[in-house]
């Protein structure tokens, strides 16, 4: 009985400690004093670059960058919009770059008839470009002549 009463008392005290000390205390966010509807907090809208020829690579083994918008593209287990243009069956008709042969082998090096599951979700490696300034200062210099 004593243990049960002691447990109940501890639960009540714990609950009292969790109650707010004062409703008058002001919550502060990482945003500071800027309210959500402030004009200062609106992000700058970036626009996708227009379709263009393939973008040069900056380092060895860099996945090719996507030279067009992919907004609205569906890539899921049942459908991959990229394959409507870049598959080996469609690339000539669409005037697109065909998928690399490296995308047709599994992790054990076995050749497959279709795109490997590990290479099926294109945007894991390939990204579109946007006309944005770098977020941080960058002193990166491209590798020497890598096929330019």
Protein backbone atom coordinates (compact mmCIF):
# COMPACT_ATOMS: atom_id res chain seq x y z
CA UNK A 1 0.00 0.00 0.00
CA UNK A 2 2.84 2.37 0.91
CA UNK A 3 4.54 1.79 -2.47
CA UNK A 4 1.31 2.46 -4.34
CA UNK A 5 0.69 5.71 -2.45
CA UNK A 6 4.29 6.83 -2.94
CA UNK A 7 4.05 6.08 -6.69
CA UNK A 8 0.81 8.09 -6.98
CA UNK A 9 2.36 11.04 -5.12
CA UNK A 10 5.41 11.01 -7.44
CA UNK A 11 3.15 10.92 -10.52
CA UNK A 12 1.15 13.92 -9.27
CA UNK A 13 4.31 15.90 -8.50
CA UNK A 14 5.76 15.03 -11.90
CA UNK A 15 2.59 16.19 -13.65
CA UNK A 16 2.67 19.48 -11.73
CA UNK A 17 6.24 20.08 -12.85
CA UNK A 18 5.23 19.62 -16.49
CA UNK A 19 2.54 22.29 -16.33
CA UNK A 20 3.52 25.68 -17.82
CA UNK A 21 4.86 28.08 -15.20
CA UNK A 22 3.14 31.07 -16.74
CA UNK A 23 1.02 31.67 -19.80
CA UNK A 24 2.62 35.12 -19.98
CA UNK A 25 6.04 33.71 -20.95
CA UNK A 26 6.77 34.39 -24.61
CA UNK A 27 7.99 31.58 -26.83
CA UNK A 28 10.93 32.43 -29.07
CA UNK A 29 11.84 30.78 -32.33
CA UNK A 30 15.05 30.51 -34.29
CA UNK A 31 13.46 33.01 -36.69
CA UNK A 32 13.68 35.66 -33.97
CA UNK A 33 10.99 38.31 -33.86
CA UNK A 34 10.04 38.01 -37.56
CA UNK A 35 6.49 36.68 -37.85
CA UNK A 36 5.71 34.03 -40.46
CA UNK A 37 3.74 36.47 -42.59
CA UNK A 38 6.58 39.00 -42.63
CA UNK A 39 7.82 40.10 -46.06
CA UNK A 40 11.38 39.58 -44.80
CA UNK A 41 10.81 35.84 -44.47
CA UNK A 42 9.63 35.23 -48.06
CA UNK A 43 12.14 33.09 -49.96
CA UNK A 44 13.55 34.28 -53.24
CA UNK A 45 11.94 32.31 -56.05
CA UNK A 46 14.44 30.64 -58.36
CA UNK A 47 13.70 29.74 -61.96
CA UNK A 48 14.88 26.61 -63.72
CA UNK A 49 17.32 27.13 -66.52
CA UNK A 50 15.86 26.60 -69.97
CA UNK A 51 16.54 23.33 -71.77
CA UNK A 52 20.03 23.30 -73.18
CA UNK A 53 22.82 21.01 -74.33
CA UNK A 54 24.47 18.69 -71.78
CA UNK A 55 26.29 20.47 -68.95
CA UNK A 56 30.03 19.84 -68.66
CA UNK A 57 31.18 17.72 -65.73
CA UNK A 58 33.49 19.16 -63.10
CA UNK A 59 35.09 15.99 -61.69
CA UNK A 60 35.79 12.39 -62.67
CA UNK A 61 32.78 10.06 -62.20
CA UNK A 62 30.39 12.99 -61.70
CA UNK A 63 26.87 11.93 -62.68
CA UNK A 64 25.68 14.02 -65.64
CA UNK A 65 23.60 17.03 -64.65
CA UNK A 66 20.05 17.29 -66.01
CA UNK A 67 19.94 20.15 -68.55
CA UNK A 68 16.16 20.61 -68.29
CA UNK A 69 13.43 20.95 -65.68
CA UNK A 70 12.06 17.78 -64.11
CA UNK A 71 9.30 19.51 -62.16
CA UNK A 72 6.29 17.21 -62.02
CA UNK A 73 8.24 14.12 -63.14
CA UNK A 74 7.03 10.93 -61.51
CA UNK A 75 9.70 8.46 -60.47
CA UNK A 76 8.36 5.67 -58.30
CA UNK A 77 8.40 1.87 -58.17
CA UNK A 78 5.76 1.61 -60.90
CA UNK A 79 6.81 4.41 -63.28
CA UNK A 80 9.90 6.41 -64.23
CA UNK A 81 9.23 9.49 -66.40
CA UNK A 82 12.93 9.77 -67.31
CA UNK A 83 12.78 6.45 -69.19
CA UNK A 84 10.16 7.79 -71.63
CA UNK A 85 12.99 9.73 -73.29
CA UNK A 86 16.30 8.27 -72.08
CA UNK A 87 15.66 4.51 -72.39
CA UNK A 88 17.51 2.66 -75.13
CA UNK A 89 14.16 2.09 -76.87
CA UNK A 90 13.22 5.80 -76.98
CA UNK A 91 16.36 7.97 -76.94
CA UNK A 92 16.84 8.27 -80.73
CA UNK A 93 13.21 9.21 -81.39
CA UNK A 94 13.25 11.76 -78.54
CA UNK A 95 16.72 13.18 -79.29
CA UNK A 96 17.83 12.46 -75.73
CA UNK A 97 20.99 11.04 -74.23
CA UNK A 98 20.64 7.30 -73.72
CA UNK A 99 21.16 5.69 -70.33
CA UNK A 100 24.72 4.54 -69.73
CA UNK A 101 25.49 0.83 -69.96
CA UNK A 102 26.57 1.04 -66.31
CA UNK A 103 22.89 1.33 -65.34
CA UNK A 104 22.21 -2.22 -66.58
CA UNK A 105 24.32 -4.20 -64.13
CA UNK A 106 23.58 -5.22 -60.57
CA UNK A 107 25.92 -4.84 -57.59
CA UNK A 108 27.51 -8.22 -58.38
CA UNK A 109 28.37 -7.13 -61.93
CA UNK A 110 25.71 -9.27 -63.64
CA UNK A 111 24.34 -7.76 -66.86
CA UNK A 112 20.57 -7.15 -66.85
CA UNK A 113 17.99 -6.68 -69.60
CA UNK A 114 16.43 -3.69 -67.78
CA UNK A 115 17.73 -0.81 -65.67
CA UNK A 116 19.12 -2.07 -62.37
CA UNK A 117 17.02 -1.37 -59.28
CA UNK A 118 19.96 0.49 -57.74
CA UNK A 119 20.06 2.85 -60.76
CA UNK A 120 16.30 3.17 -61.37
CA UNK A 121 15.68 6.26 -59.21
CA UNK A 122 17.54 8.79 -61.38
CA UNK A 123 17.36 11.76 -59.01
CA UNK A 124 19.45 9.95 -56.40
CA UNK A 125 22.46 10.97 -58.49
CA UNK A 126 21.31 13.29 -61.28
CA UNK A 127 20.11 16.82 -60.48
CA UNK A 128 18.64 19.74 -62.43
CA UNK A 129 20.33 23.11 -62.34
CA UNK A 130 18.80 26.34 -61.11
CA UNK A 131 20.04 29.94 -61.46
CA UNK A 132 20.96 30.32 -57.78
CA UNK A 133 24.07 31.81 -56.22
CA UNK A 134 26.16 29.40 -54.10
CA UNK A 135 24.99 29.18 -50.48
CA UNK A 136 28.56 29.41 -49.19
CA UNK A 137 31.82 30.71 -50.62
CA UNK A 138 33.36 28.08 -52.85
CA UNK A 139 36.96 27.77 -54.04
CA UNK A 140 36.41 24.51 -55.96
CA UNK A 141 38.42 24.17 -59.15
CA UNK A 142 37.40 21.54 -61.75
CA UNK A 143 39.68 18.59 -62.37
CA UNK A 144 42.19 18.95 -65.17
CA UNK A 145 41.18 18.00 -68.69
CA UNK A 146 38.52 15.32 -68.21
CA UNK A 147 37.29 15.23 -71.76
CA UNK A 148 36.60 18.89 -72.45
